[in-house]
C-alpha atoms as a PDB file:
ATOM      1  CA  UNK A   1     -33.796 217.371 230.724  1.00  0.00           C
ATOM      2  CA  UNK A   2     -31.772 216.949 227.621  1.00  0.00           C
ATOM      3  CA  UNK A   3     -29.209 214.772 228.184  1.00  0.00           C
ATOM      4  CA  UNK A   4     -26.866 213.057 225.829  1.00  0.00           C
ATOM      5  CA  UNK A   5     -24.935 209.361 225.818  1.00  0.00           C
ATOM      6  CA  UNK A   6     -21.836 210.107 225.491  1.00  0.00           C
ATOM      7  CA  UNK A   7     -18.851 207.006 225.726  1.00  0.00           C
ATOM      8  CA  UNK A   8     -14.852 207.820 225.181  1.00  0.00           C
ATOM      9  CA  UNK A   9     -13.408 205.937 222.570  1.00  0.00           C
ATOM     10  CA  UNK A  10     -10.399 204.860 224.693  1.00  0.00           C
ATOM     11  CA  UNK A  11     -13.198 203.494 227.298  1.00  0.00           C
ATOM     12  CA  UNK A  12     -11.946 205.113 230.159  1.00  0.00           C
ATOM     13  CA  UNK A  13     -11.963 208.728 231.765  1.00  0.00           C
ATOM     14  CA  UNK A  14     -16.024 209.851 231.493  1.00  0.00           C
ATOM     15  CA  UNK A  15     -17.489 213.059 232.249  1.00  0.00           C
ATOM     16  CA  UNK A  16     -17.412 213.811 236.284  1.00  0.00           C
ATOM     17  CA  UNK A  17     -19.492 216.623 236.370  1.00  0.00           C
ATOM     18  CA  UNK A  18     -23.983 216.690 236.870  1.00  0.00           C
ATOM     19  CA  UNK A  19     -25.069 213.192 235.674  1.00  0.00           C
ATOM     20  CA  UNK A  20     -21.988 211.232 235.613  1.00  0.00           C
ATOM     21  CA  UNK A  21     -21.985 208.083 237.093  1.00  0.00           C
ATOM     22  CA  UNK A  22     -22.183 208.571 241.586  1.00  0.00           C
ATOM     23  CA  UNK A  23     -23.865 211.948 241.277  1.00  0.00           C
ATOM     24  CA  UNK A  24     -26.076 212.497 243.477  1.00  0.00           C
ATOM     25  CA  UNK A  25     -28.735 213.873 240.692  1.00  0.00           C
ATOM     26  CA  UNK A  26     -29.586 210.327 240.065  1.00  0.00           C
ATOM     27  CA  UNK A  27     -30.705 209.940 243.635  1.00  0.00           C
ATOM     28  CA  UNK A  28     -31.948 212.771 244.158  1.00  0.00           C
ATOM     29  CA  UNK A  29     -34.067 212.511 240.410  1.00  0.00           C
ATOM     30  CA  UNK A  30     -36.335 209.159 241.748  1.00  0.00           C
ATOM     31  CA  UNK A  31     -36.634 207.792 238.299  1.00  0.00           C
ATOM     32  CA  UNK A  32     -34.507 208.905 235.896  1.00  0.00           C
ATOM     33  CA  UNK A  33     -31.752 206.508 235.160  1.00  0.00           C
ATOM     34  CA  UNK A  34     -34.290 203.101 234.878  1.00  0.00           C
ATOM     35  CA  UNK A  35     -36.347 205.611 232.285  1.00  0.00           C
ATOM     36  CA  UNK A  36     -33.608 206.174 230.563  1.00  0.00           C
ATOM     37  CA  UNK A  37     -32.473 202.497 230.925  1.00  0.00           C
ATOM     38  CA  UNK A  38     -29.246 203.463 232.576  1.00  0.00           C
ATOM     39  CA  UNK A  39     -27.223 201.247 234.960  1.00  0.00           C
ATOM     40  CA  UNK A  40     -24.049 203.268 236.247  1.00  0.00           C
ATOM     41  CA  UNK A  41     -20.650 201.144 236.387  1.00  0.00           C
ATOM     42  CA  UNK A  42     -18.776 200.496 238.992  1.00  0.00           C
ATOM     43  CA  UNK A  43     -15.376 200.488 236.779  1.00  0.00           C
ATOM     44  CA  UNK A  44     -14.585 203.664 234.835  1.00  0.00           C
ATOM     45  CA  UNK A  45     -15.076 202.593 231.325  1.00  0.00           C
ATOM     46  CA  UNK A  46     -16.061 206.203 229.853  1.00  0.00           C
ATOM     47  CA  UNK A  47     -19.874 205.752 229.031  1.00  0.00           C
ATOM     48  CA  UNK A  48     -22.019 208.977 230.573  1.00  0.00           C
ATOM     49  CA  UNK A  49     -25.181 210.677 230.627  1.00  0.00           C
ATOM     50  CA  UNK A  50     -24.105 214.702 229.894  1.00  0.00           C
ATOM     51  CA  UNK A  51     -26.723 217.985 230.120  1.00  0.00           C
ATOM     52  CA  UNK A  52     -27.063 219.643 226.947  1.00  0.00           C
ATOM     53  CA  UNK A  53     -25.605 222.645 227.846  1.00  0.00           C
ATOM     54  CA  UNK A  54     -22.646 220.807 229.884  1.00  0.00           C
ATOM     55  CA  UNK A  55     -22.154 219.920 226.654  1.00  0.00           C
ATOM     56  CA  UNK A  56     -22.064 223.480 224.446  1.00  0.00           C
ATOM     57  CA  UNK A  57     -19.904 224.456 227.274  1.00  0.00           C
ATOM     58  CA  UNK A  58     -17.160 222.231 227.961  1.00  0.00           C
ATOM     59  CA  UNK A  59     -17.268 220.539 224.200  1.00  0.00           C
ATOM     60  CA  UNK A  60     -15.679 221.935 220.920  1.00  0.00           C
ATOM     61  CA  UNK A  61     -16.311 218.439 218.068  1.00  0.00           C
ATOM     62  CA  UNK A  62     -18.875 215.173 218.901  1.00  0.00           C
ATOM     63  CA  UNK A  63     -17.726 212.380 216.758  1.00  0.00           C
ATOM     64  CA  UNK A  64     -20.187 209.927 215.709  1.00  0.00           C
ATOM     65  CA  UNK A  65     -19.622 206.355 215.289  1.00  0.00           C
ATOM     66  CA  UNK A  66     -21.366 205.234 211.822  1.00  0.00           C
ATOM     67  CA  UNK A  67     -22.491 201.237 211.477  1.00  0.00           C
ATOM     68  CA  UNK A  68     -22.520 201.321 207.787  1.00  0.00           C
ATOM     69  CA  UNK A  69     -24.264 197.280 207.396  1.00  0.00           C
ATOM     70  CA  UNK A  70     -27.381 198.964 209.095  1.00  0.00           C
ATOM     71  CA  UNK A  71     -27.193 201.023 205.741  1.00  0.00           C
ATOM     72  CA  UNK A  72     -26.899 198.170 204.115  1.00  0.00           C
ATOM     73  CA  UNK A  73     -23.302 198.673 202.827  1.00  0.00           C
ATOM     74  CA  UNK A  74     -20.708 196.146 201.570  1.00  0.00           C
ATOM     75  CA  UNK A  75     -17.059 195.973 202.941  1.00  0.00           C
ATOM     76  CA  UNK A  76     -14.087 195.084 201.338  1.00  0.00           C
ATOM     77  CA  UNK A  77     -11.097 195.820 204.682  1.00  0.00           C
ATOM     78  CA  UNK A  78      -6.956 195.485 203.712  1.00  0.00           C
ATOM     79  CA  UNK A  79      -4.072 196.109 205.612  1.00  0.00           C
ATOM     80  CA  UNK A  80      -1.486 197.934 204.589  1.00  0.00           C
ATOM     81  CA  UNK A  81       2.236 200.590 205.288  1.00  0.00           C
ATOM     82  CA  UNK A  82       3.197 203.653 203.277  1.00  0.00           C
ATOM     83  CA  UNK A  83       6.577 203.341 202.396  1.00  0.00           C
ATOM     84  CA  UNK A  84       8.995 205.979 200.586  1.00  0.00           C
ATOM     85  CA  UNK A  85      11.801 202.514 200.311  1.00  0.00           C
ATOM     86  CA  UNK A  86      12.860 202.454 197.282  1.00  0.00           C
ATOM     87  CA  UNK A  87      12.514 204.211 195.167  1.00  0.00           C
ATOM     88  CA  UNK A  88      11.014 207.494 196.722  1.00  0.00           C
ATOM     89  CA  UNK A  89      13.119 207.474 199.637  1.00  0.00           C
ATOM     90  CA  UNK A  90      16.214 208.581 197.374  1.00  0.00           C
ATOM     91  CA  UNK A  91      14.811 210.639 194.588  1.00  0.00           C
ATOM     92  CA  UNK A  92      16.337 214.121 194.215  1.00  0.00           C
ATOM     93  CA  UNK A  93      13.304 215.542 194.180  1.00  0.00           C
ATOM     94  CA  UNK A  94      12.666 218.217 197.044  1.00  0.00           C
ATOM     95  CA  UNK A  95       8.987 217.104 196.551  1.00  0.00           C
ATOM     96  CA  UNK A  96       8.420 214.104 194.489  1.00  0.00           C
ATOM     97  CA  UNK A  97       4.768 212.715 196.416  1.00  0.00           C
ATOM     98  CA  UNK A  98       3.042 213.651 193.244  1.00  0.00           C
ATOM     99  CA  UNK A  99       4.433 210.768 190.973  1.00  0.00           C
ATOM    100  CA  UNK A 100       1.608 208.479 192.475  1.00  0.00           C
ATOM    101  CA  UNK A 101       3.147 205.407 190.227  1.00  0.00           C
ATOM    102  CA  UNK A 102       4.432 204.798 193.806  1.00  0.00           C
ATOM    103  CA  UNK A 103       2.220 205.223 195.887  1.00  0.00           C
ATOM    104  CA  UNK A 104      -0.034 202.883 197.394  1.00  0.00           C
ATOM    105  CA  UNK A 105      -2.627 201.384 195.221  1.00  0.00           C
ATOM    106  CA  UNK A 106      -6.205 199.245 194.932  1.00  0.00           C
ATOM    107  CA  UNK A 107      -8.264 197.951 192.209  1.00  0.00           C
ATOM    108  CA  UNK A 108     -11.787 197.923 192.833  1.00  0.00           C
ATOM    109  CA  UNK A 109     -14.315 196.324 191.000  1.00  0.00           C
ATOM    110  CA  UNK A 110     -17.882 196.395 191.494  1.00  0.00           C
ATOM    111  CA  UNK A 111     -20.120 193.329 189.557  1.00  0.00           C
ATOM    112  CA  UNK A 112     -24.027 195.765 188.707  1.00  0.00           C
ATOM    113  CA  UNK A 113     -23.382 199.626 187.137  1.00  0.00           C
ATOM    114  CA  UNK A 114     -23.947 202.684 189.670  1.00  0.00           C
ATOM    115  CA  UNK A 115     -26.065 203.688 186.805  1.00  0.00           C
ATOM    116  CA  UNK A 116     -29.925 203.180 187.685  1.00  0.00           C
ATOM    117  CA  UNK A 117     -29.823 204.225 191.815  1.00  0.00           C
ATOM    118  CA  UNK A 118     -30.490 207.590 192.013  1.00  0.00           C
ATOM    119  CA  UNK A 119     -27.928 210.466 191.073  1.00  0.00           C
ATOM    120  CA  UNK A 120     -27.388 211.685 194.149  1.00  0.00           C
ATOM    121  CA  UNK A 121     -27.103 209.016 196.315  1.00  0.00           C
ATOM    122  CA  UNK A 122     -23.014 207.938 197.042  1.00  0.00           C
ATOM    123  CA  UNK A 123     -22.369 205.027 195.667  1.00  0.00           C
ATOM    124  CA  UNK A 124     -18.522 204.662 196.960  1.00  0.00           C
ATOM    125  CA  UNK A 125     -17.822 205.141 200.381  1.00  0.00           C
ATOM    126  CA  UNK A 126     -13.636 204.879 201.517  1.00  0.00           C
ATOM    127  CA  UNK A 127     -12.380 205.417 204.785  1.00  0.00           C
ATOM    128  CA  UNK A 128      -8.660 205.564 205.135  1.00  0.00           C
ATOM    129  CA  UNK A 129      -7.447 205.460 209.342  1.00  0.00           C
ATOM    130  CA  UNK A 130      -3.812 205.852 209.787  1.00  0.00           C
ATOM    131  CA  UNK A 131      -2.296 203.783 212.640  1.00  0.00           C
ATOM    132  CA  UNK A 132      -0.969 206.271 215.482  1.00  0.00           C
ATOM    133  CA  UNK A 133       2.211 204.419 217.058  1.00  0.00           C
ATOM    134  CA  UNK A 134       3.324 207.491 218.704  1.00  0.00           C
ATOM    135  CA  UNK A 135       2.310 210.988 219.690  1.00  0.00           C
ATOM    136  CA  UNK A 136       4.804 212.482 217.755  1.00  0.00           C
ATOM    137  CA  UNK A 137       2.634 211.285 214.799  1.00  0.00           C
ATOM    138  CA  UNK A 138      -0.665 213.605 215.610  1.00  0.00           C
ATOM    139  CA  UNK A 139      -1.254 216.398 213.101  1.00  0.00           C
ATOM    140  CA  UNK A 140       2.451 216.308 212.605  1.00  0.00           C
ATOM    141  CA  UNK A 141       1.589 214.879 208.360  1.00  0.00           C
ATOM    142  CA  UNK A 142      -1.171 214.222 205.570  1.00  0.00           C
ATOM    143  CA  UNK A 143      -2.848 212.037 204.008  1.00  0.00           C
ATOM    144  CA  UNK A 144      -5.401 211.154 202.015  1.00  0.00           C
ATOM    145  CA  UNK A 145      -7.636 208.646 199.671  1.00  0.00           C
ATOM    146  CA  UNK A 146      -8.203 209.697 196.292  1.00  0.00           C
ATOM    147  CA  UNK A 147     -10.358 207.608 193.496  1.00  0.00           C
ATOM    148  CA  UNK A 148      -9.790 206.813 189.863  1.00  0.00           C
ATOM    149  CA  UNK A 149     -11.103 205.546 186.927  1.00  0.00           C
ATOM    150  CA  UNK A 150      -8.858 202.925 185.584  1.00  0.00           C
ATOM    151  CA  UNK A 151      -7.484 199.129 185.764  1.00  0.00           C
ATOM    152  CA  UNK A 152      -3.663 199.107 186.521  1.00  0.00           C
ATOM    153  CA  UNK A 153      -1.504 200.979 188.288  1.00  0.00           C
ATOM    154  CA  UNK A 154      -1.708 204.203 187.786  1.00  0.00           C
ATOM    155  CA  UNK A 155       1.023 206.486 186.671  1.00  0.00           C
ATOM    156  CA  UNK A 156       0.075 209.809 185.282  1.00  0.00           C
ATOM    157  CA  UNK A 157      -3.868 208.739 185.292  1.00  0.00           C
ATOM    158  CA  UNK A 158      -6.610 211.115 183.839  1.00  0.00           C
ATOM    159  CA  UNK A 159      -8.466 213.654 186.207  1.00  0.00           C
ATOM    160  CA  UNK A 160      -9.503 212.201 189.214  1.00  0.00           C
ATOM    161  CA  UNK A 161     -12.653 211.516 189.967  1.00  0.00           C
ATOM    162  CA  UNK A 162     -13.148 212.209 193.829  1.00  0.00           C
ATOM    163  CA  UNK A 163     -10.043 214.015 195.668  1.00  0.00           C
ATOM    164  CA  UNK A 164      -9.470 213.185 199.117  1.00  0.00           C
ATOM    165  CA  UNK A 165      -9.248 215.892 201.393  1.00  0.00           C
ATOM    166  CA  UNK A 166      -5.720 216.033 203.034  1.00  0.00           C
ATOM    167  CA  UNK A 167      -6.161 215.165 206.073  1.00  0.00           C
ATOM    168  CA  UNK A 168      -3.673 214.731 209.686  1.00  0.00           C
ATOM    169  CA  UNK A 169      -5.650 213.083 211.628  1.00  0.00           C
ATOM    170  CA  UNK A 170      -6.148 209.409 212.165  1.00  0.00           C
ATOM    171  CA  UNK A 171      -9.105 209.079 209.578  1.00  0.00           C
ATOM    172  CA  UNK A 172      -9.111 210.242 205.829  1.00  0.00           C
ATOM    173  CA  UNK A 173     -12.918 209.787 204.623  1.00  0.00           C
ATOM    174  CA  UNK A 174     -13.957 210.584 199.876  1.00  0.00           C
ATOM    175  CA  UNK A 175     -17.523 209.751 199.205  1.00  0.00           C
ATOM    176  CA  UNK A 176     -18.207 208.842 194.923  1.00  0.00           C
ATOM    177  CA  UNK A 177     -21.759 209.347 194.051  1.00  0.00           C
ATOM    178  CA  UNK A 178     -22.923 207.663 191.742  1.00  0.00           C
ATOM    179  CA  UNK A 179     -23.782 210.698 188.811  1.00  0.00           C
ATOM    180  CA  UNK A 180     -20.510 210.181 188.448  1.00  0.00           C
ATOM    181  CA  UNK A 181     -19.274 206.243 189.164  1.00  0.00           C
ATOM    182  CA  UNK A 182     -21.886 206.138 186.164  1.00  0.00           C
ATOM    183  CA  UNK A 183     -21.071 202.686 184.585  1.00  0.00           C
ATOM    184  CA  UNK A 184     -17.491 202.396 185.556  1.00  0.00           C
ATOM    185  CA  UNK A 185     -16.871 199.060 186.118  1.00  0.00           C
ATOM    186  CA  UNK A 186     -13.573 199.560 187.375  1.00  0.00           C
ATOM    187  CA  UNK A 187     -12.044 201.886 189.914  1.00  0.00           C
ATOM    188  CA  UNK A 188      -7.867 202.467 191.284  1.00  0.00           C
ATOM    189  CA  UNK A 189      -7.852 204.109 194.874  1.00  0.00           C
ATOM    190  CA  UNK A 190      -4.561 206.283 195.699  1.00  0.00           C
ATOM    191  CA  UNK A 191      -2.833 206.779 199.091  1.00  0.00           C
ATOM    192  CA  UNK A 192      -1.106 209.677 199.618  1.00  0.00           C
ATOM    193  CA  UNK A 193       0.918 212.055 201.362  1.00  0.00           C
ATOM    194  CA  UNK A 194       0.911 215.736 200.988  1.00  0.00           C
ATOM    195  CA  UNK A 195       4.511 217.162 200.772  1.00  0.00           C
ATOM    196  CA  UNK A 196       5.108 214.217 202.714  1.00  0.00           C
ATOM    197  CA  UNK A 197       7.307 210.325 202.452  1.00  0.00           C
ATOM    198  CA  UNK A 198       6.387 210.064 206.363  1.00  0.00           C
ATOM    199  CA  UNK A 199       6.663 205.643 207.125  1.00  0.00           C
ATOM    200  CA  UNK A 200       2.443 204.535 208.206  1.00  0.00           C
ATOM    201  CA  UNK A 201       0.878 201.515 208.801  1.00  0.00           C
ATOM    202  CA  UNK A 202      -3.332 201.928 207.848  1.00  0.00           C
ATOM    203  CA  UNK A 203      -5.990 200.311 207.188  1.00  0.00           C
ATOM    204  CA  UNK A 204      -8.817 201.109 204.253  1.00  0.00           C
ATOM    205  CA  UNK A 205     -12.745 200.384 204.174  1.00  0.00           C
ATOM    206  CA  UNK A 206     -14.056 200.585 201.187  1.00  0.00           C
ATOM    207  CA  UNK A 207     -18.074 200.554 201.784  1.00  0.00           C
ATOM    208  CA  UNK A 208     -20.067 199.582 198.345  1.00  0.00           C
ATOM    209  CA  UNK A 209     -23.921 199.570 197.844  1.00  0.00           C
ATOM    210  CA  UNK A 210     -23.122 196.406 195.009  1.00  0.00           C
ATOM    211  CA  UNK A 211     -21.130 193.645 195.123  1.00  0.00           C
ATOM    212  CA  UNK A 212     -17.987 193.953 194.808  1.00  0.00           C
ATOM    213  CA  UNK A 213     -13.748 192.944 195.034  1.00  0.00           C
ATOM    214  CA  UNK A 214     -10.481 194.847 196.610  1.00  0.00           C
ATOM    215  CA  UNK A 215      -7.900 194.186 194.968  1.00  0.00           C
ATOM    216  CA  UNK A 216      -3.549 195.288 195.735  1.00  0.00           C
ATOM    217  CA  UNK A 217      -2.118 196.071 192.432  1.00  0.00           C
ATOM    218  CA  UNK A 218       1.489 195.175 191.330  1.00  0.00           C
ATOM    219  CA  UNK A 219       4.120 197.240 191.776  1.00  0.00           C
ATOM    220  CA  UNK A 220       5.066 199.632 189.603  1.00  0.00           C
ATOM    221  CA  UNK A 221       8.583 198.701 189.670  1.00  0.00           C
ATOM    222  CA  UNK A 222       9.010 195.032 190.117  1.00  0.00           C
ATOM    223  CA  UNK A 223      10.452 193.480 193.814  1.00  0.00           C
ATOM    224  CA  UNK A 224      14.244 193.420 193.338  1.00  0.00           C
ATOM    225  CA  UNK A 225      14.519 196.219 190.936  1.00  0.00           C
ATOM    226  CA  UNK A 226      17.055 199.359 191.592  1.00  0.00           C
ATOM    227  CA  UNK A 227      16.518 202.208 190.894  1.00  0.00           C
ATOM    228  CA  UNK A 228      18.711 205.570 190.425  1.00  0.00           C
ATOM    229  CA  UNK A 229      18.500 209.278 189.694  1.00  0.00           C
ATOM    230  CA  UNK A 230      21.527 211.160 187.899  1.00  0.00           C
ATOM    231  CA  UNK A 231      21.670 215.357 187.912  1.00  0.00           C
ATOM    232  CA  UNK A 232      21.884 217.084 184.431  1.00  0.00           C
ATOM    233  CA  UNK A 233      20.287 220.721 183.273  1.00  0.00           C
ATOM    234  CA  UNK A 234      17.920 220.687 179.999  1.00  0.00           C
ATOM    235  CA  UNK A 235      20.030 223.391 177.429  1.00  0.00           C
ATOM    236  CA  UNK A 236      19.264 224.676 174.546  1.00  0.00           C
ATOM    237  CA  UNK A 237      22.041 223.091 172.440  1.00  0.00           C
END
C-alpha cells in the first residue's frame, strides 16, 4: 500500500473512506496498524491515513506544515492591525494604497551580515497571517509583505529588495536570498493591501538565520494629529 497520513488543521472532520478510522481494512490487514504505529482515536480528531490513489482522486492541494526550529531559524513575532483610519480612509484618491508611508512598517535589524553565507540560500523569511473573523473575509481582499532596505519609516522608497506576492488567502510569504541581502543590516518590512483599505488583524513572523530584532516603526503622522484634503487642478497659468 502507498498511504499518506494527513491531519485536518481544524482538528475535526477527517477522511471517511478506505483506511479511515474504523474502516474494516484495519482488521483485514493484520499487523498494518502496528507497523505504522497507528492507534485510531475514539473521537474525530481530524487525523487519518488515506491511500495515495484517493489523494489524487479527491484532493487538489496539499499544505505542508514546516517546523522552522528544525532548520535552525530564529523567530521574531509581532501582531497588529491594518487600519486606514484616520489618514487614508477619507482620502480623495480613488486608490492610494500605494502610499506606503501610512502602511504598517517594521524595522528588522540583523546583528550579523548574511554576505558570508551561501548566496543561493534564503536568509530571511517573512510570513504574514491574516486573522479571519467572518466567512466573508475569505478570498475578498489581497494582502502582502515586502522587504526594503532602510532605517525608519519609508515614504517614497527606492526599489524593493523583495516584492511579496499579494494573496487573498490567510497567509502571504516572502523570502530574501543571501545574495540580495549581502552586507545590509537594516531592513524595512511593509504590510500592504492591493486596491483595498479593508481593516484586518494580522500576525507577522520573521525567521532569520542570524540573531536579529524586530520593532514597529513609529507612524508617519504622530498620534493626535488630523489631516485634510483639498481638491485642486494644475493649469498652465
